[in-house]
């Protein structure tokens, strides 16, 4: 089992991605709203340099992200990777996203068949 994580900056593609993952047989996961570090830093008024950054970035929500967490069987991981690349494109492009996997040693509550 693997924990597949995608931090997606191209948030406008999340609906298409979720649909394509479902069609590929990946039917469960968790989607979390978040913000990137630059946006979080820009909200720190008590640090003078960040106050300056805030003025430069006001009204700019480019650092909004969606984090997708999927608990996958090993044989599903490549399907998820291929689907993300097909829908999102080249993740090495700036402001796209990052994906990674981590092995899972224990799973409970995974439909009873983990």
PDB file of N, CA and C in Angstrom:
ATOM      1  N   UNK A   1       0.842  -1.168   0.000  1.00  0.00           N
ATOM      2  CA  UNK A   1       0.000   0.000   0.000  1.00  0.00           C
ATOM      3  C   UNK A   1       0.893   1.239   0.000  1.00  0.00           C
ATOM      4  N   UNK A   2       0.379   2.277  -0.631  1.00  0.00           N
ATOM      5  CA  UNK A   2       1.117   3.537  -0.745  1.00  0.00           C
ATOM      6  C   UNK A   2       0.191   4.711  -0.433  1.00  0.00           C
ATOM      7  N   UNK A   3       0.754   5.742   0.169  1.00  0.00           N
ATOM      8  CA  UNK A   3       0.050   7.011   0.291  1.00  0.00           C
ATOM      9  C   UNK A   3       0.508   7.864  -0.885  1.00  0.00           C
ATOM     10  N   UNK A   4      -0.413   8.149  -1.780  1.00  0.00           N
ATOM     11  CA  UNK A   4      -0.142   8.975  -2.949  1.00  0.00           C
ATOM     12  C   UNK A   4      -0.599  10.386  -2.596  1.00  0.00           C
ATOM     13  N   UNK A   5       0.292  11.343  -2.737  1.00  0.00           N
ATOM     14  CA  UNK A   5      -0.017  12.736  -2.415  1.00  0.00           C
ATOM     15  C   UNK A   5       0.230  13.601  -3.637  1.00  0.00           C
ATOM     16  N   UNK A   6      -0.741  14.439  -3.944  1.00  0.00           N
ATOM     17  CA  UNK A   6      -0.599  15.423  -5.008  1.00  0.00           C
ATOM     18  C   UNK A   6      -0.938  16.783  -4.423  1.00  0.00           C
ATOM     19  N   UNK A   7      -0.005  17.716  -4.510  1.00  0.00           N
ATOM     20  CA  UNK A   7      -0.249  19.104  -4.120  1.00  0.00           C
ATOM     21  C   UNK A   7      -0.357  19.874  -5.428  1.00  0.00           C
ATOM     22  N   UNK A   8      -1.564  20.303  -5.719  1.00  0.00           N
ATOM     23  CA  UNK A   8      -1.887  20.850  -7.032  1.00  0.00           C
ATOM     24  C   UNK A   8      -2.077  22.356  -6.973  1.00  0.00           C
ATOM     25  N   UNK A   9      -1.255  23.072  -7.741  1.00  0.00           N
ATOM     26  CA  UNK A   9      -1.408  24.521  -7.832  1.00  0.00           C
ATOM     27  C   UNK A   9      -2.346  24.906  -8.973  1.00  0.00           C
ATOM     28  N   UNK A  10      -2.498  24.037  -9.956  1.00  0.00           N
ATOM     29  CA  UNK A  10      -3.448  24.284 -11.053  1.00  0.00           C
ATOM     30  C   UNK A  10      -4.829  23.818 -10.590  1.00  0.00           C
ATOM     31  N   UNK A  11      -5.382  24.545  -9.630  1.00  0.00           N
ATOM     32  CA  UNK A  11      -6.614  24.115  -8.973  1.00  0.00           C
ATOM     33  C   UNK A  11      -7.810  24.056  -9.918  1.00  0.00           C
ATOM     34  N   UNK A  12      -7.746  24.754 -11.024  1.00  0.00           N
ATOM     35  CA  UNK A  12      -8.850  24.726 -11.977  1.00  0.00           C
ATOM     36  C   UNK A  12      -9.000  23.356 -12.641  1.00  0.00           C
ATOM     37  N   UNK A  13      -7.996  22.485 -12.499  1.00  0.00           N
ATOM     38  CA  UNK A  13      -8.037  21.160 -13.105  1.00  0.00           C
ATOM     39  C   UNK A  13      -8.487  20.068 -12.142  1.00  0.00           C
ATOM     40  N   UNK A  14      -8.785  20.421 -10.902  1.00  0.00           N
ATOM     41  CA  UNK A  14      -9.079  19.396  -9.892  1.00  0.00           C
ATOM     42  C   UNK A  14     -10.327  18.590 -10.236  1.00  0.00           C
ATOM     43  N   UNK A  15     -11.376  19.219 -10.739  1.00  0.00           N
ATOM     44  CA  UNK A  15     -12.596  18.477 -11.072  1.00  0.00           C
ATOM     45  C   UNK A  15     -12.336  17.458 -12.185  1.00  0.00           C
ATOM     46  N   UNK A  16     -11.623  17.863 -13.208  1.00  0.00           N
ATOM     47  CA  UNK A  16     -11.280  16.945 -14.300  1.00  0.00           C
ATOM     48  C   UNK A  16     -10.420  15.797 -13.794  1.00  0.00           C
ATOM     49  N   UNK A  17      -9.473  16.116 -12.930  1.00  0.00           N
ATOM     50  CA  UNK A  17      -8.600  15.083 -12.388  1.00  0.00           C
ATOM     51  C   UNK A  17      -9.385  14.073 -11.564  1.00  0.00           C
ATOM     52  N   UNK A  18     -10.268  14.554 -10.690  1.00  0.00           N
ATOM     53  CA  UNK A  18     -11.055  13.649  -9.863  1.00  0.00           C
ATOM     54  C   UNK A  18     -11.909  12.728 -10.739  1.00  0.00           C
ATOM     55  N   UNK A  19     -12.495  13.272 -11.783  1.00  0.00           N
ATOM     56  CA  UNK A  19     -13.309  12.472 -12.700  1.00  0.00           C
ATOM     57  C   UNK A  19     -12.458  11.400 -13.381  1.00  0.00           C
ATOM     58  N   UNK A  20     -11.295  11.795 -13.871  1.00  0.00           N
ATOM     59  CA  UNK A  20     -10.424  10.851 -14.575  1.00  0.00           C
ATOM     60  C   UNK A  20      -9.888   9.763 -13.635  1.00  0.00           C
ATOM     61  N   UNK A  21      -9.557  10.130 -12.403  1.00  0.00           N
ATOM     62  CA  UNK A  21      -9.118   9.119 -11.435  1.00  0.00           C
ATOM     63  C   UNK A  21     -10.237   8.110 -11.175  1.00  0.00           C
ATOM     64  N   UNK A  22     -11.457   8.604 -11.028  1.00  0.00           N
ATOM     65  CA  UNK A  22     -12.605   7.727 -10.807  1.00  0.00           C
ATOM     66  C   UNK A  22     -12.786   6.773 -11.992  1.00  0.00           C
ATOM     67  N   UNK A  23     -12.698   7.316 -13.202  1.00  0.00           N
ATOM     68  CA  UNK A  23     -12.838   6.493 -14.406  1.00  0.00           C
ATOM     69  C   UNK A  23     -11.720   5.457 -14.512  1.00  0.00           C
ATOM     70  N   UNK A  24     -10.557   5.759 -13.933  1.00  0.00           N
ATOM     71  CA  UNK A  24      -9.417   4.833 -13.958  1.00  0.00           C
ATOM     72  C   UNK A  24      -9.492   3.798 -12.839  1.00  0.00           C
ATOM     73  N   UNK A  25     -10.565   3.846 -12.043  1.00  0.00           N
ATOM     74  CA  UNK A  25     -10.744   2.850 -10.990  1.00  0.00           C
ATOM     75  C   UNK A  25     -10.318   3.282  -9.606  1.00  0.00           C
ATOM     76  N   UNK A  26      -9.896   4.520  -9.462  1.00  0.00           N
ATOM     77  CA  UNK A  26      -9.499   5.059  -8.153  1.00  0.00           C
ATOM     78  C   UNK A  26     -10.692   5.853  -7.642  1.00  0.00           C
ATOM     79  N   UNK A  27     -11.402   5.259  -6.687  1.00  0.00           N
ATOM     80  CA  UNK A  27     -12.720   5.774  -6.335  1.00  0.00           C
ATOM     81  C   UNK A  27     -12.792   6.441  -4.974  1.00  0.00           C
ATOM     82  N   UNK A  28     -11.698   6.539  -4.245  1.00  0.00           N
ATOM     83  CA  UNK A  28     -11.750   7.162  -2.930  1.00  0.00           C
ATOM     84  C   UNK A  28     -10.493   7.945  -2.638  1.00  0.00           C
ATOM     85  N   UNK A  29     -10.654   9.032  -1.909  1.00  0.00           N
ATOM     86  CA  UNK A  29      -9.520   9.859  -1.532  1.00  0.00           C
ATOM     87  C   UNK A  29     -10.003  11.035  -0.719  1.00  0.00           C
ATOM     88  N   UNK A  30      -9.072  11.861  -0.327  1.00  0.00           N
ATOM     89  CA  UNK A  30      -9.377  13.061   0.452  1.00  0.00           C
ATOM     90  C   UNK A  30      -8.778  14.262  -0.254  1.00  0.00           C
ATOM     91  N   UNK A  31      -9.574  15.306  -0.410  1.00  0.00           N
ATOM     92  CA  UNK A  31      -9.132  16.547  -1.038  1.00  0.00           C
ATOM     93  C   UNK A  31      -9.143  17.641   0.017  1.00  0.00           C
ATOM     94  N   UNK A  32      -8.008  18.288   0.192  1.00  0.00           N
ATOM     95  CA  UNK A  32      -7.840  19.313   1.223  1.00  0.00           C
ATOM     96  C   UNK A  32      -7.501  20.642   0.561  1.00  0.00           C
ATOM     97  N   UNK A  33      -8.190  21.704   0.968  1.00  0.00           N
ATOM     98  CA  UNK A  33      -7.858  23.053   0.501  1.00  0.00           C
ATOM     99  C   UNK A  33      -6.673  23.574   1.305  1.00  0.00           C
ATOM    100  N   UNK A  34      -5.812  24.337   0.666  1.00  0.00           N
ATOM    101  CA  UNK A  34      -4.664  24.888   1.376  1.00  0.00           C
ATOM    102  C   UNK A  34      -4.105  26.105   0.667  1.00  0.00           C
ATOM    103  N   UNK A  35      -2.995  26.557   1.199  1.00  0.00           N
ATOM    104  CA  UNK A  35      -2.299  27.669   0.582  1.00  0.00           C
ATOM    105  C   UNK A  35      -0.811  27.395   0.634  1.00  0.00           C
ATOM    106  N   UNK A  36      -0.109  27.925  -0.334  1.00  0.00           N
ATOM    107  CA  UNK A  36       1.322  27.753  -0.396  1.00  0.00           C
ATOM    108  C   UNK A  36       2.031  28.613   0.632  1.00  0.00           C
ATOM    109  N   UNK A  37       3.288  28.319   0.853  1.00  0.00           N
ATOM    110  CA  UNK A  37       4.076  29.020   1.854  1.00  0.00           C
ATOM    111  C   UNK A  37       4.178  30.513   1.563  1.00  0.00           C
ATOM    112  N   UNK A  38       4.329  30.888   0.305  1.00  0.00           N
ATOM    113  CA  UNK A  38       4.458  32.308  -0.040  1.00  0.00           C
ATOM    114  C   UNK A  38       3.212  33.080   0.389  1.00  0.00           C
ATOM    115  N   UNK A  39       2.037  32.490   0.163  1.00  0.00           N
ATOM    116  CA  UNK A  39       0.802  33.166   0.567  1.00  0.00           C
ATOM    117  C   UNK A  39       0.709  33.253   2.088  1.00  0.00           C
ATOM    118  N   UNK A  40       1.095  32.183   2.786  1.00  0.00           N
ATOM    119  CA  UNK A  40       1.066  32.205   4.246  1.00  0.00           C
ATOM    120  C   UNK A  40       2.015  33.273   4.785  1.00  0.00           C
ATOM    121  N   UNK A  41       3.187  33.382   4.200  1.00  0.00           N
ATOM    122  CA  UNK A  41       4.145  34.396   4.642  1.00  0.00           C
ATOM    123  C   UNK A  41       3.632  35.800   4.360  1.00  0.00           C
ATOM    124  N   UNK A  42       2.936  35.952   3.274  1.00  0.00           N
ATOM    125  CA  UNK A  42       2.425  37.274   2.899  1.00  0.00           C
ATOM    126  C   UNK A  42       1.362  37.749   3.893  1.00  0.00           C
ATOM    127  N   UNK A  43       0.772  36.835   4.652  1.00  0.00           N
ATOM    128  CA  UNK A  43      -0.246  37.193   5.640  1.00  0.00           C
ATOM    129  C   UNK A  43       0.346  37.566   6.996  1.00  0.00           C
ATOM    130  N   UNK A  44       1.664  37.571   7.131  1.00  0.00           N
ATOM    131  CA  UNK A  44       2.313  37.888   8.412  1.00  0.00           C
ATOM    132  C   UNK A  44       2.630  39.377   8.481  1.00  0.00           C
ATOM    133  N   UNK A  45       1.715  40.140   9.053  1.00  0.00           N
ATOM    134  CA  UNK A  45       1.881  41.593   9.156  1.00  0.00           C
ATOM    135  C   UNK A  45       2.974  42.006  10.124  1.00  0.00           C
ATOM    136  N   UNK A  46       3.277  41.177  11.122  1.00  0.00           N
ATOM    137  CA  UNK A  46       4.208  41.575  12.163  1.00  0.00           C
ATOM    138  C   UNK A  46       5.668  41.539  11.721  1.00  0.00           C
ATOM    139  N   UNK A  47       5.942  41.008  10.544  1.00  0.00           N
ATOM    140  CA  UNK A  47       7.306  40.978  10.025  1.00  0.00           C
ATOM    141  C   UNK A  47       7.368  41.975   8.871  1.00  0.00           C
ATOM    142  N   UNK A  48       8.149  43.063   9.007  1.00  0.00           N
ATOM    143  CA  UNK A  48       8.107  44.159   8.022  1.00  0.00           C
ATOM    144  C   UNK A  48       8.261  43.732   6.568  1.00  0.00           C
ATOM    145  N   UNK A  49       9.206  42.859   6.271  1.00  0.00           N
ATOM    146  CA  UNK A  49       9.414  42.493   4.869  1.00  0.00           C
ATOM    147  C   UNK A  49       8.192  41.770   4.319  1.00  0.00           C
ATOM    148  N   UNK A  50       7.499  40.995   5.165  1.00  0.00           N
ATOM    149  CA  UNK A  50       6.319  40.295   4.697  1.00  0.00           C
ATOM    150  C   UNK A  50       5.168  41.260   4.479  1.00  0.00           C
ATOM    151  N   UNK A  51       5.125  42.333   5.250  1.00  0.00           N
ATOM    152  CA  UNK A  51       4.131  43.377   5.010  1.00  0.00           C
ATOM    153  C   UNK A  51       4.293  43.981   3.625  1.00  0.00           C
ATOM    154  N   UNK A  52       5.563  44.172   3.212  1.00  0.00           N
ATOM    155  CA  UNK A  52       5.834  44.684   1.870  1.00  0.00           C
ATOM    156  C   UNK A  52       5.380  43.688   0.805  1.00  0.00           C
ATOM    157  N   UNK A  53       5.665  42.409   1.062  1.00  0.00           N
ATOM    158  CA  UNK A  53       5.225  41.380   0.121  1.00  0.00           C
ATOM    159  C   UNK A  53       3.704  41.352   0.023  1.00  0.00           C
ATOM    160  N   UNK A  54       3.044  41.545   1.154  1.00  0.00           N
ATOM    161  CA  UNK A  54       1.580  41.534   1.158  1.00  0.00           C
ATOM    162  C   UNK A  54       1.040  42.613   0.218  1.00  0.00           C
ATOM    163  N   UNK A  55       1.600  43.796   0.296  1.00  0.00           N
ATOM    164  CA  UNK A  55       1.129  44.866  -0.592  1.00  0.00           C
ATOM    165  C   UNK A  55       1.350  44.495  -2.059  1.00  0.00           C
ATOM    166  N   UNK A  56       2.457  43.803  -2.330  1.00  0.00           N
ATOM    167  CA  UNK A  56       2.747  43.405  -3.713  1.00  0.00           C
ATOM    168  C   UNK A  56       1.790  42.313  -4.193  1.00  0.00           C
ATOM    169  N   UNK A  57       1.309  41.463  -3.258  1.00  0.00           N
ATOM    170  CA  UNK A  57       0.486  40.310  -3.642  1.00  0.00           C
ATOM    171  C   UNK A  57      -0.998  40.476  -3.367  1.00  0.00           C
ATOM    172  N   UNK A  58      -1.435  41.607  -2.832  1.00  0.00           N
ATOM    173  CA  UNK A  58      -2.857  41.750  -2.501  1.00  0.00           C
ATOM    174  C   UNK A  58      -3.720  41.416  -3.703  1.00  0.00           C
ATOM    175  N   UNK A  59      -4.745  40.622  -3.448  1.00  0.00           N
ATOM    176  CA  UNK A  59      -5.654  40.214  -4.501  1.00  0.00           C
ATOM    177  C   UNK A  59      -5.149  39.064  -5.345  1.00  0.00           C
ATOM    178  N   UNK A  60      -3.984  38.546  -5.043  1.00  0.00           N
ATOM    179  CA  UNK A  60      -3.389  37.479  -5.835  1.00  0.00           C
ATOM    180  C   UNK A  60      -3.567  36.157  -5.099  1.00  0.00           C
ATOM    181  N   UNK A  61      -4.338  35.236  -5.662  1.00  0.00           N
ATOM    182  CA  UNK A  61      -4.560  33.956  -5.000  1.00  0.00           C
ATOM    183  C   UNK A  61      -3.831  32.812  -5.697  1.00  0.00           C
ATOM    184  N   UNK A  62      -2.750  33.090  -6.380  1.00  0.00           N
ATOM    185  CA  UNK A  62      -2.010  32.049  -7.093  1.00  0.00           C
ATOM    186  C   UNK A  62      -1.469  30.969  -6.182  1.00  0.00           C
ATOM    187  N   UNK A  63      -1.335  31.243  -4.900  1.00  0.00           N
ATOM    188  CA  UNK A  63      -0.767  30.263  -3.999  1.00  0.00           C
ATOM    189  C   UNK A  63      -1.815  29.358  -3.353  1.00  0.00           C
ATOM    190  N   UNK A  64      -3.066  29.416  -3.824  1.00  0.00           N
ATOM    191  CA  UNK A  64      -4.070  28.478  -3.355  1.00  0.00           C
ATOM    192  C   UNK A  64      -3.750  27.116  -3.948  1.00  0.00           C
ATOM    193  N   UNK A  65      -3.816  26.073  -3.104  1.00  0.00           N
ATOM    194  CA  UNK A  65      -3.503  24.726  -3.556  1.00  0.00           C
ATOM    195  C   UNK A  65      -4.598  23.761  -3.121  1.00  0.00           C
ATOM    196  N   UNK A  66      -4.651  22.640  -3.803  1.00  0.00           N
ATOM    197  CA  UNK A  66      -5.493  21.511  -3.425  1.00  0.00           C
ATOM    198  C   UNK A  66      -4.545  20.346  -3.169  1.00  0.00           C
ATOM    199  N   UNK A  67      -4.727  19.684  -2.038  1.00  0.00           N
ATOM    200  CA  UNK A  67      -3.916  18.517  -1.716  1.00  0.00           C
ATOM    201  C   UNK A  67      -4.807  17.292  -1.790  1.00  0.00           C
ATOM    202  N   UNK A  68      -4.429  16.347  -2.627  1.00  0.00           N
ATOM    203  CA  UNK A  68      -5.161  15.110  -2.807  1.00  0.00           C
ATOM    204  C   UNK A  68      -4.380  13.983  -2.150  1.00  0.00           C
ATOM    205  N   UNK A  69      -5.036  13.280  -1.236  1.00  0.00           N
ATOM    206  CA  UNK A  69      -4.439  12.133  -0.561  1.00  0.00           C
ATOM    207  C   UNK A  69      -5.190  10.875  -0.980  1.00  0.00           C
ATOM    208  N   UNK A  70      -4.459   9.882  -1.472  1.00  0.00           N
ATOM    209  CA  UNK A  70      -5.046   8.622  -1.897  1.00  0.00           C
ATOM    210  C   UNK A  70      -4.290   7.473  -1.244  1.00  0.00           C
ATOM    211  N   UNK A  71      -4.996   6.559  -0.625  1.00  0.00           N
ATOM    212  CA  UNK A  71      -4.394   5.319  -0.138  1.00  0.00           C
ATOM    213  C   UNK A  71      -4.607   4.303  -1.248  1.00  0.00           C
ATOM    214  N   UNK A  72      -3.503   3.855  -1.838  1.00  0.00           N
ATOM    215  CA  UNK A  72      -3.581   3.014  -3.028  1.00  0.00           C
ATOM    216  C   UNK A  72      -2.883   1.680  -2.825  1.00  0.00           C
ATOM    217  N   UNK A  73      -3.415   0.677  -3.471  1.00  0.00           N
ATOM    218  CA  UNK A  73      -2.700  -0.589  -3.582  1.00  0.00           C
ATOM    219  C   UNK A  73      -1.529  -0.339  -4.522  1.00  0.00           C
ATOM    220  N   UNK A  74      -0.454  -1.078  -4.340  1.00  0.00           N
ATOM    221  CA  UNK A  74       0.757  -0.849  -5.134  1.00  0.00           C
ATOM    222  C   UNK A  74       0.474  -0.828  -6.635  1.00  0.00           C
ATOM    223  N   UNK A  75      -0.414  -1.694  -7.095  1.00  0.00           N
ATOM    224  CA  UNK A  75      -0.689  -1.760  -8.532  1.00  0.00           C
ATOM    225  C   UNK A  75      -1.498  -0.563  -9.037  1.00  0.00           C
ATOM    226  N   UNK A  76      -2.071   0.242  -8.148  1.00  0.00           N
ATOM    227  CA  UNK A  76      -2.824   1.429  -8.561  1.00  0.00           C
ATOM    228  C   UNK A  76      -1.948   2.678  -8.681  1.00  0.00           C
ATOM    229  N   UNK A  77      -0.750   2.638  -8.125  1.00  0.00           N
ATOM    230  CA  UNK A  77       0.090   3.835  -8.077  1.00  0.00           C
ATOM    231  C   UNK A  77       0.421   4.338  -9.471  1.00  0.00           C
ATOM    232  N   UNK A  78       0.849   3.464 -10.370  1.00  0.00           N
ATOM    233  CA  UNK A  78       1.214   3.916 -11.713  1.00  0.00           C
ATOM    234  C   UNK A  78       0.000   4.447 -12.466  1.00  0.00           C
ATOM    235  N   UNK A  79      -1.166   3.863 -12.217  1.00  0.00           N
ATOM    236  CA  UNK A  79      -2.403   4.362 -12.829  1.00  0.00           C
ATOM    237  C   UNK A  79      -2.647   5.806 -12.387  1.00  0.00           C
ATOM    238  N   UNK A  80      -2.476   6.078 -11.092  1.00  0.00           N
ATOM    239  CA  UNK A  80      -2.664   7.439 -10.571  1.00  0.00           C
ATOM    240  C   UNK A  80      -1.640   8.399 -11.175  1.00  0.00           C
ATOM    241  N   UNK A  81      -0.393   7.990 -11.244  1.00  0.00           N
ATOM    242  CA  UNK A  81       0.662   8.835 -11.818  1.00  0.00           C
ATOM    243  C   UNK A  81       0.345   9.168 -13.275  1.00  0.00           C
ATOM    244  N   UNK A  82       0.000   8.149 -14.046  1.00  0.00           N
ATOM    245  CA  UNK A  82      -0.311   8.368 -15.467  1.00  0.00           C
ATOM    246  C   UNK A  82      -1.513   9.283 -15.640  1.00  0.00           C
ATOM    247  N   UNK A  83      -2.522   9.121 -14.782  1.00  0.00           N
ATOM    248  CA  UNK A  83      -3.719   9.951 -14.865  1.00  0.00           C
ATOM    249  C   UNK A  83      -3.395  11.403 -14.549  1.00  0.00           C
ATOM    250  N   UNK A  84      -2.613  11.625 -13.499  1.00  0.00           N
ATOM    251  CA  UNK A  84      -2.220  12.995 -13.145  1.00  0.00           C
ATOM    252  C   UNK A  84      -1.453  13.636 -14.293  1.00  0.00           C
ATOM    253  N   UNK A  85      -0.507  12.925 -14.858  1.00  0.00           N
ATOM    254  CA  UNK A  85       0.287  13.494 -15.953  1.00  0.00           C
ATOM    255  C   UNK A  85      -0.573  13.790 -17.175  1.00  0.00           C
ATOM    256  N   UNK A  86      -1.556  12.934 -17.440  1.00  0.00           N
ATOM    257  CA  UNK A  86      -2.428  13.148 -18.597  1.00  0.00           C
ATOM    258  C   UNK A  86      -3.316  14.384 -18.398  1.00  0.00           C
ATOM    259  N   UNK A  87      -3.828  14.574 -17.192  1.00  0.00           N
ATOM    260  CA  UNK A  87      -4.758  15.678 -16.938  1.00  0.00           C
ATOM    261  C   UNK A  87      -4.021  16.978 -16.635  1.00  0.00           C
ATOM    262  N   UNK A  88      -3.000  16.907 -15.801  1.00  0.00           N
ATOM    263  CA  UNK A  88      -2.307  18.109 -15.320  1.00  0.00           C
ATOM    264  C   UNK A  88      -1.189  18.534 -16.265  1.00  0.00           C
ATOM    265  N   UNK A  89      -0.531  17.571 -16.874  1.00  0.00           N
ATOM    266  CA  UNK A  89       0.602  17.887 -17.732  1.00  0.00           C
ATOM    267  C   UNK A  89       1.915  17.687 -16.995  1.00  0.00           C
ATOM    268  N   UNK A  90       2.925  18.354 -17.467  1.00  0.00           N
ATOM    269  CA  UNK A  90       4.285  18.214 -16.956  1.00  0.00           C
ATOM    270  C   UNK A  90       4.425  18.926 -15.608  1.00  0.00           C
ATOM    271  N   UNK A  91       4.627  18.154 -14.550  1.00  0.00           N
ATOM    272  CA  UNK A  91       4.742  18.746 -13.215  1.00  0.00           C
ATOM    273  C   UNK A  91       6.059  19.498 -13.009  1.00  0.00           C
ATOM    274  N   UNK A  92       6.986  19.373 -13.924  1.00  0.00           N
ATOM    275  CA  UNK A  92       8.226  20.139 -13.786  1.00  0.00           C
ATOM    276  C   UNK A  92       8.036  21.594 -14.220  1.00  0.00           C
ATOM    277  N   UNK A  93       6.901  21.900 -14.839  1.00  0.00           N
ATOM    278  CA  UNK A  93       6.592  23.287 -15.203  1.00  0.00           C
ATOM    279  C   UNK A  93       6.294  24.085 -13.939  1.00  0.00           C
ATOM    280  N   UNK A  94       6.698  25.357 -13.881  1.00  0.00           N
ATOM    281  CA  UNK A  94       6.437  26.180 -12.694  1.00  0.00           C
ATOM    282  C   UNK A  94       4.939  26.306 -12.393  1.00  0.00           C
ATOM    283  N   UNK A  95       4.632  26.423 -11.110  1.00  0.00           N
ATOM    284  CA  UNK A  95       3.253  26.648 -10.637  1.00  0.00           C
ATOM    285  C   UNK A  95       2.278  25.572 -11.099  1.00  0.00           C
ATOM    286  N   UNK A  96       2.737  24.332 -11.109  1.00  0.00           N
ATOM    287  CA  UNK A  96       1.886  23.212 -11.507  1.00  0.00           C
ATOM    288  C   UNK A  96       1.515  22.371 -10.298  1.00  0.00           C
ATOM    289  N   UNK A  97       2.499  21.773  -9.667  1.00  0.00           N
ATOM    290  CA  UNK A  97       2.245  20.934  -8.511  1.00  0.00           C
ATOM    291  C   UNK A  97       3.388  19.984  -8.243  1.00  0.00           C
ATOM    292  N   UNK A  98       3.177  19.127  -7.261  1.00  0.00           N
ATOM    293  CA  UNK A  98       4.156  18.109  -6.897  1.00  0.00           C
ATOM    294  C   UNK A  98       3.390  16.862  -6.480  1.00  0.00           C
ATOM    295  N   UNK A  99       3.902  15.704  -6.850  1.00  0.00           N
ATOM    296  CA  UNK A  99       3.293  14.462  -6.387  1.00  0.00           C
ATOM    297  C   UNK A  99       4.387  13.553  -5.867  1.00  0.00           C
ATOM    298  N   UNK A 100       4.004  12.744  -4.872  1.00  0.00           N
ATOM    299  CA  UNK A 100       4.943  11.787  -4.293  1.00  0.00           C
ATOM    300  C   UNK A 100       4.160  10.673  -3.622  1.00  0.00           C
ATOM    301  N   UNK A 101       4.848   9.568  -3.359  1.00  0.00           N
ATOM    302  CA  UNK A 101       4.246   8.451  -2.644  1.00  0.00           C
ATOM    303  C   UNK A 101       5.113   8.100  -1.447  1.00  0.00           C
ATOM    304  N   UNK A 102       4.473   7.480  -0.477  1.00  0.00           N
ATOM    305  CA  UNK A 102       5.170   6.962   0.703  1.00  0.00           C
ATOM    306  C   UNK A 102       4.565   5.607   1.040  1.00  0.00           C
ATOM    307  N   UNK A 103       5.413   4.661   1.438  1.00  0.00           N
ATOM    308  CA  UNK A 103       4.865   3.361   1.826  1.00  0.00           C
ATOM    309  C   UNK A 103       4.018   3.481   3.089  1.00  0.00           C
ATOM    310  N   UNK A 104       2.977   2.664   3.155  1.00  0.00           N
ATOM    311  CA  UNK A 104       2.100   2.618   4.320  1.00  0.00           C
ATOM    312  C   UNK A 104       2.305   1.265   4.998  1.00  0.00           C
ATOM    313  N   UNK A 105       2.574   1.295   6.284  1.00  0.00           N
ATOM    314  CA  UNK A 105       2.793   0.070   7.041  1.00  0.00           C
ATOM    315  C   UNK A 105       1.522  -0.454   7.694  1.00  0.00           C
ATOM    316  N   UNK A 106       0.553   0.406   7.933  1.00  0.00           N
ATOM    317  CA  UNK A 106      -0.681  -0.003   8.581  1.00  0.00           C
ATOM    318  C   UNK A 106      -1.837   0.773   7.994  1.00  0.00           C
ATOM    319  N   UNK A 107      -2.918   0.072   7.694  1.00  0.00           N
ATOM    320  CA  UNK A 107      -4.139   0.715   7.223  1.00  0.00           C
ATOM    321  C   UNK A 107      -5.312   0.061   7.941  1.00  0.00           C
ATOM    322  N   UNK A 108      -6.166   0.885   8.507  1.00  0.00           N
ATOM    323  CA  UNK A 108      -7.423   0.418   9.067  1.00  0.00           C
ATOM    324  C   UNK A 108      -8.520   1.270   8.460  1.00  0.00           C
ATOM    325  N   UNK A 109      -9.670   0.678   8.201  1.00  0.00           N
ATOM    326  CA  UNK A 109     -10.771   1.437   7.637  1.00  0.00           C
ATOM    327  C   UNK A 109     -10.688   1.616   6.147  1.00  0.00           C
ATOM    328  N   UNK A 110     -10.029   0.718   5.463  1.00  0.00           N
ATOM    329  CA  UNK A 110      -9.876   0.788   4.009  1.00  0.00           C
ATOM    330  C   UNK A 110     -10.805  -0.252   3.365  1.00  0.00           C
ATOM    331  N   UNK A 111     -12.085  -0.121   3.634  1.00  0.00           N
ATOM    332  CA  UNK A 111     -13.051  -1.034   3.039  1.00  0.00           C
ATOM    333  C   UNK A 111     -12.928  -2.471   3.528  1.00  0.00           C
ATOM    334  N   UNK A 112     -12.177  -2.674   4.607  1.00  0.00           N
ATOM    335  CA  UNK A 112     -12.076  -4.000   5.199  1.00  0.00           C
ATOM    336  C   UNK A 112     -11.201  -4.987   4.453  1.00  0.00           C
ATOM    337  N   UNK A 113     -10.517  -4.554   3.373  1.00  0.00           N
ATOM    338  CA  UNK A 113      -9.718  -5.519   2.613  1.00  0.00           C
ATOM    339  C   UNK A 113      -8.289  -5.059   2.363  1.00  0.00           C
ATOM    340  N   UNK A 114      -7.733  -4.298   3.279  1.00  0.00           N
ATOM    341  CA  UNK A 114      -6.376  -3.760   3.075  1.00  0.00           C
ATOM    342  C   UNK A 114      -5.324  -4.761   3.284  1.00  0.00           C
TER     343      UNK A 114
END
